[in-house]
Amino acid sequence: MESVETYIRRLESWFSKCEGAVVAFSAGVDSSLVAYAARTFLGKESSLAVISTSPSLKRSDLDLGRSFCQRYDIALQEIETQETDDPDYQKNGPDRCYFCKSNLYFDLTGISKLHPGWLVMNGANVDDLGDYRPGLQAAKEFQVHAPLSDCGMTKEAIRAVAAFYKLECWNKPASPCMSSRIPYGQEVTLEKLQQIEAGEAFLNELGFDVARLRHYGKVARIEVPNDKIENLNAVSDVVKKRMFELGFESVEFDDEGFVSGKLNRALS
């Protein structure tokens, strides 16, 4: 990895060619850094972070996004995207993210038209380019820019720069869309999203900062990091009781432990 100063200079140079920014903001570390950089290098009057209040975003992440923008004096606009009403999204095929991002970028493009010359941008980075991310195709079609990727920044570099700026989200665990907890081909519903959100919030309260509730219909499959599996087993009765309350009939603990994007294995 190159020096933090090198990446900052690249970002400053990248934004120097920008008139203004409409940032697809999710409160994750990637988009938070883009929103912060846009505010830093363009000023508050020429930058706007836009977050969706859609049911696919955790309410805790929405709250974090609000507090982040307030703390760093970033202009924030909240919108409600309609991806959960899109039949193609609800079908939950391998291209679900494409339809999600298409809904988002359609709305952001409309906002950018109110600010002539402003670019729509996201938090995509170099590591994303080697992963299965159909949302990148939607970004390409809507001409969404990716300053972090353009500046050669990996996830490691992004966290290093965020830490340099003392952004409190610099080490925030990844928190992808809750629909990613539902196996491909199984319908995305508001009820399932609510169960996932409530279940993961409960696991967080128990001290599992990184946790996934994979939704297999009536079965809840829980993933925590390998070094936390013993802790999970120690509170298994409490966890199962809560999952039953949420409507699940069976609970499984994944012995492999947490693996990001595990459900993508079905595509291989």
Protein backbone atom coordinates (compact mmCIF):
# COMPACT_ATOMS: atom_id res chain seq x y z
CA MET A 1 0.00 0.00 0.00
CA GLU A 2 1.22 3.50 -0.81
CA SER A 3 1.38 6.26 1.77
CA VAL A 4 -1.75 7.91 3.14
CA GLU A 5 -0.43 11.27 1.94
CA THR A 6 -0.19 9.93 -1.62
CA TYR A 7 -3.83 8.86 -1.63
CA ILE A 8 -4.94 12.18 -0.18
CA ARG A 9 -3.08 14.07 -2.89
CA ARG A 10 -4.74 11.90 -5.52
CA LEU A 11 -8.17 12.54 -4.06
CA GLU A 12 -7.56 16.27 -3.92
CA SER A 13 -6.44 16.23 -7.56
CA TRP A 14 -9.45 14.12 -8.57
CA PHE A 15 -11.93 16.48 -6.92
CA SER A 16 -10.16 19.55 -8.31
CA LYS A 17 -11.62 18.59 -11.69
CA CYS A 18 -15.15 18.46 -10.22
CA GLU A 19 -17.74 21.24 -10.10
CA GLY A 20 -19.83 19.47 -7.50
CA ALA A 21 -20.72 16.06 -6.10
CA VAL A 22 -23.87 14.04 -5.45
CA VAL A 23 -22.63 11.13 -3.34
CA ALA A 24 -24.44 7.81 -3.05
CA PHE A 25 -24.09 7.56 0.72
CA SER A 26 -24.79 4.47 2.84
CA ALA A 27 -22.85 5.30 6.04
CA GLY A 28 -20.27 2.61 5.26
CA VAL A 29 -16.61 3.57 5.40
CA ASP A 30 -16.23 3.78 1.59
CA SER A 31 -19.07 6.19 0.85
CA SER A 32 -18.38 8.07 4.08
CA LEU A 33 -14.86 8.83 2.89
CA VAL A 34 -16.18 9.99 -0.49
CA ALA A 35 -18.73 12.27 1.21
CA TYR A 36 -16.04 13.64 3.54
CA ALA A 37 -13.58 14.20 0.67
CA ALA A 38 -16.25 15.96 -1.40
CA ARG A 39 -17.05 18.24 1.54
CA THR A 40 -13.35 18.87 2.21
CA PHE A 41 -12.20 19.56 -1.34
CA LEU A 42 -15.37 21.10 -2.84
CA GLY A 43 -17.01 22.77 0.14
CA LYS A 44 -20.45 22.29 1.63
CA GLU A 45 -22.24 24.30 -1.05
CA SER A 46 -20.89 22.09 -3.83
CA SER A 47 -21.36 18.65 -2.28
CA LEU A 48 -24.34 16.60 -1.23
CA ALA A 49 -24.55 13.18 0.41
CA VAL A 50 -27.75 11.31 -0.43
CA ILE A 51 -28.93 8.37 1.68
CA SER A 52 -31.94 6.17 1.06
CA THR A 53 -34.36 5.36 3.87
CA SER A 54 -35.39 2.19 2.06
CA PRO A 55 -36.21 -0.89 4.22
CA SER A 56 -33.11 -2.61 2.82
CA LEU A 57 -30.90 -0.24 4.87
CA LYS A 58 -30.59 -0.88 8.59
CA ARG A 59 -32.11 1.85 10.72
CA SER A 60 -28.89 1.82 12.77
CA ASP A 61 -26.90 2.64 9.63
CA LEU A 62 -29.35 5.41 8.77
CA ASP A 63 -28.81 6.90 12.22
CA LEU A 64 -25.04 6.58 11.83
CA GLY A 65 -25.24 8.34 8.46
CA ARG A 66 -27.20 11.22 9.95
CA SER A 67 -24.79 11.67 12.85
CA PHE A 68 -21.76 11.41 10.54
CA CYS A 69 -23.01 14.21 8.29
CA GLN A 70 -23.93 16.36 11.25
CA ARG A 71 -20.55 15.89 12.86
CA TYR A 72 -18.60 16.78 9.70
CA ASP A 73 -20.99 19.47 8.45
CA ILE A 74 -21.90 17.55 5.30
CA ALA A 75 -25.10 18.45 3.47
CA LEU A 76 -27.39 15.41 3.61
CA GLN A 77 -30.53 14.61 1.65
CA GLU A 78 -32.72 11.63 2.51
CA ILE A 79 -34.73 9.89 -0.18
CA GLU A 80 -36.75 6.70 -0.28
CA THR A 81 -35.76 4.56 -3.22
CA GLN A 82 -38.29 2.05 -4.51
CA GLU A 83 -36.16 -1.05 -5.09
CA THR A 84 -38.24 -3.16 -2.66
CA ASP A 85 -41.29 -2.49 -4.87
CA ASP A 86 -39.45 -3.61 -8.01
CA PRO A 87 -40.54 -7.15 -9.03
CA ASP A 88 -37.08 -7.81 -10.50
CA TYR A 89 -35.51 -6.96 -7.15
CA GLN A 90 -38.07 -9.00 -5.21
CA LYS A 91 -37.27 -12.10 -7.33
CA ASN A 92 -33.79 -12.00 -5.78
CA GLY A 93 -31.89 -13.34 -8.74
CA PRO A 94 -28.08 -13.09 -8.97
CA ASP A 95 -28.60 -9.67 -10.59
CA ARG A 96 -30.63 -8.27 -7.65
CA CYS A 97 -27.98 -5.63 -6.91
CA TYR A 98 -28.25 -4.37 -10.48
CA PHE A 99 -31.92 -3.48 -9.98
CA CYS A 100 -31.24 -2.00 -6.55
CA LYS A 101 -28.51 0.29 -7.84
CA SER A 102 -30.49 1.16 -10.97
CA ASN A 103 -33.29 2.47 -8.76
CA LEU A 104 -30.80 4.41 -6.65
CA TYR A 105 -28.84 5.93 -9.54
CA PHE A 106 -32.03 6.89 -11.38
CA ASP A 107 -33.01 8.99 -8.36
CA LEU A 108 -29.51 10.43 -7.91
CA THR A 109 -29.32 11.38 -11.58
CA GLY A 110 -32.56 13.32 -11.10
CA ILE A 111 -31.03 15.14 -8.14
CA SER A 112 -27.85 15.93 -10.07
CA LYS A 113 -29.92 17.63 -12.80
CA LEU A 114 -30.88 20.23 -10.19
CA HIS A 115 -27.15 20.99 -9.87
CA PRO A 116 -25.78 21.38 -13.41
CA GLY A 117 -22.23 20.10 -13.75
CA TRP A 118 -22.28 18.04 -10.57
CA LEU A 119 -21.17 14.41 -10.81
CA VAL A 120 -22.94 11.46 -9.26
CA MET A 121 -20.39 9.29 -7.43
CA ASN A 122 -20.21 6.21 -5.25
CA GLY A 123 -17.76 4.48 -2.91
CA ALA A 124 -16.62 1.70 -5.25
CA ASN A 125 -12.96 0.78 -4.77
CA VAL A 126 -10.31 -1.37 -6.40
CA ASP A 127 -11.23 -4.46 -4.38
CA ASP A 128 -14.80 -4.29 -5.67
CA LEU A 129 -13.59 -4.74 -9.24
CA GLY A 130 -12.47 -8.32 -8.51
CA ASP A 131 -15.74 -9.33 -6.81
CA TYR A 132 -19.14 -10.25 -8.19
CA ARG A 133 -20.95 -6.90 -8.10
CA PRO A 134 -23.71 -6.46 -10.70
CA GLY A 135 -24.32 -3.01 -9.22
CA LEU A 136 -21.18 -1.86 -11.01
CA GLN A 137 -22.95 -2.41 -14.33
CA ALA A 138 -25.75 -0.10 -13.21
CA ALA A 139 -23.14 2.49 -12.21
CA LYS A 140 -21.60 2.27 -15.66
CA GLU A 141 -24.97 2.69 -17.39
CA PHE A 142 -25.82 5.77 -15.31
CA GLN A 143 -22.29 7.20 -15.68
CA VAL A 144 -21.64 7.16 -11.94
CA HIS A 145 -18.08 8.06 -10.97
CA ALA A 146 -15.88 6.22 -8.48
CA PRO A 147 -13.16 8.50 -7.05
CA LEU A 148 -11.74 5.84 -4.72
CA SER A 149 -11.32 3.32 -7.51
CA ASP A 150 -9.94 5.98 -9.86
CA CYS A 151 -7.35 6.86 -7.22
CA GLY A 152 -6.26 3.23 -6.92
CA MET A 153 -7.58 2.79 -3.40
CA THR A 154 -8.19 -0.63 -1.89
CA LYS A 155 -10.29 -1.27 1.20
CA GLU A 156 -7.10 -1.19 3.27
CA ALA A 157 -6.11 2.20 1.85
CA ILE A 158 -9.59 3.60 2.43
CA ARG A 159 -9.55 2.60 6.09
CA ALA A 160 -6.05 4.06 6.48
CA VAL A 161 -7.10 7.43 5.02
CA ALA A 162 -10.31 7.44 7.08
CA ALA A 163 -8.24 6.75 10.21
CA PHE A 164 -5.86 9.58 9.28
CA TYR A 165 -8.82 11.96 9.18
CA LYS A 166 -10.07 10.44 12.45
CA LEU A 167 -13.39 9.50 10.89
CA GLU A 168 -15.14 7.42 13.53
CA CYS A 169 -16.32 4.95 10.89
CA TRP A 170 -12.77 4.03 9.80
CA ASN A 171 -13.00 0.55 11.33
CA LYS A 172 -16.76 0.05 10.98
CA PRO A 173 -17.53 -3.54 9.92
CA ALA A 174 -18.97 -3.93 6.44
CA SER A 175 -22.76 -3.75 6.47
CA PRO A 176 -24.13 -4.70 3.05
CA CYS A 177 -27.78 -4.50 2.05
CA MET A 178 -29.91 -6.78 4.21
CA SER A 179 -31.26 -8.53 1.13
CA SER A 180 -27.80 -10.10 0.76
CA ARG A 181 -28.74 -12.36 3.70
CA ILE A 182 -31.47 -14.06 1.62
CA PRO A 183 -30.32 -16.88 -0.72
CA TYR A 184 -30.68 -16.14 -4.42
CA GLY A 185 -34.03 -17.24 -5.80
CA GLN A 186 -35.86 -16.79 -2.52
CA GLU A 187 -38.15 -13.76 -2.59
CA VAL A 188 -37.17 -10.55 -0.81
CA THR A 189 -40.03 -9.34 1.38
CA LEU A 190 -40.37 -6.58 3.94
CA GLU A 191 -41.12 -9.19 6.62
CA LYS A 192 -37.83 -10.97 5.94
CA LEU A 193 -35.87 -7.72 5.99
CA GLN A 194 -37.46 -6.80 9.33
CA GLN A 195 -36.61 -10.21 10.78
CA ILE A 196 -33.00 -9.91 9.63
CA GLU A 197 -32.62 -6.41 11.01
CA ALA A 198 -34.12 -7.30 14.40
CA GLY A 199 -32.11 -10.51 14.64
CA GLU A 200 -28.78 -8.90 13.82
CA ALA A 201 -29.51 -5.99 16.16
CA PHE A 202 -30.02 -8.52 18.96
CA LEU A 203 -26.70 -10.21 18.14
CA ASN A 204 -24.99 -6.81 18.18
CA GLU A 205 -26.48 -6.13 21.61
CA LEU A 206 -24.97 -9.40 22.83
CA GLY A 207 -21.54 -8.12 21.82
CA PHE A 208 -21.18 -9.62 18.33
CA ASP A 209 -20.14 -6.55 16.34
CA VAL A 210 -19.84 -8.70 13.21
CA ALA A 211 -22.79 -11.03 12.71
CA ARG A 212 -24.97 -12.27 9.88
CA LEU A 213 -28.42 -13.75 10.01
CA ARG A 214 -28.86 -15.72 6.80
CA HIS A 215 -32.58 -16.08 6.13
CA TYR A 216 -33.55 -19.55 4.90
CA GLY A 217 -37.32 -19.27 5.13
CA LYS A 218 -38.21 -20.69 8.53
CA VAL A 219 -34.55 -21.32 9.34
CA ALA A 220 -32.21 -18.66 10.73
CA ARG A 221 -28.55 -19.46 10.13
CA ILE A 222 -26.21 -17.40 12.27
CA GLU A 223 -22.63 -16.50 11.35
CA VAL A 224 -20.11 -14.83 13.64
CA PRO A 225 -16.31 -14.68 13.24
CA ASN A 226 -14.42 -17.89 14.04
CA ASP A 227 -12.97 -16.54 17.26
CA LYS A 228 -16.50 -15.70 18.50
CA ILE A 229 -18.19 -19.05 17.81
CA GLU A 230 -17.48 -20.29 21.34
CA ASN A 231 -19.09 -17.12 22.73
CA LEU A 232 -22.12 -17.69 20.51
CA ASN A 233 -22.50 -21.26 21.73
CA ALA A 234 -22.38 -19.97 25.31
CA VAL A 235 -25.52 -17.89 24.72
CA SER A 236 -27.21 -20.28 22.32
CA ASP A 237 -30.39 -20.61 24.38
CA VAL A 238 -30.86 -16.83 24.54
CA VAL A 239 -30.21 -16.44 20.81
CA LYS A 240 -32.57 -19.25 19.83
CA LYS A 241 -35.32 -17.88 22.06
CA ARG A 242 -35.08 -14.49 20.34
CA MET A 243 -35.06 -16.02 16.86
CA PHE A 244 -38.17 -18.03 17.69
CA GLU A 245 -39.83 -14.82 18.85
CA LEU A 246 -39.04 -13.28 15.47
CA GLY A 247 -40.90 -16.08 13.70
CA PHE A 248 -38.18 -18.59 12.84
CA GLU A 249 -38.89 -22.26 13.55
CA SER A 250 -35.29 -23.43 13.55
CA VAL A 251 -31.89 -21.88 14.30
CA GLU A 252 -28.50 -23.05 13.05
CA PHE A 253 -25.03 -21.80 14.01
CA ASP A 254 -22.60 -21.87 11.09
CA ASP A 255 -19.49 -23.77 12.26
CA GLU A 256 -17.40 -22.29 9.45
CA GLY A 257 -17.89 -18.83 10.90
CA PHE A 258 -18.54 -15.54 9.18
CA VAL A 259 -17.51 -15.29 5.53
CA SER A 260 -18.39 -12.13 3.62
CA GLY A 261 -20.54 -12.84 0.59
CA LYS A 262 -20.96 -16.51 1.47
CA LEU A 263 -24.22 -16.80 -0.46
CA ASN A 264 -22.35 -15.90 -3.67
CA ARG A 265 -20.85 -19.40 -3.58
CA ALA A 266 -24.11 -20.62 -5.08
CA LEU A 267 -23.13 -18.80 -8.29
CA SER A 268 -19.98 -20.86 -8.79
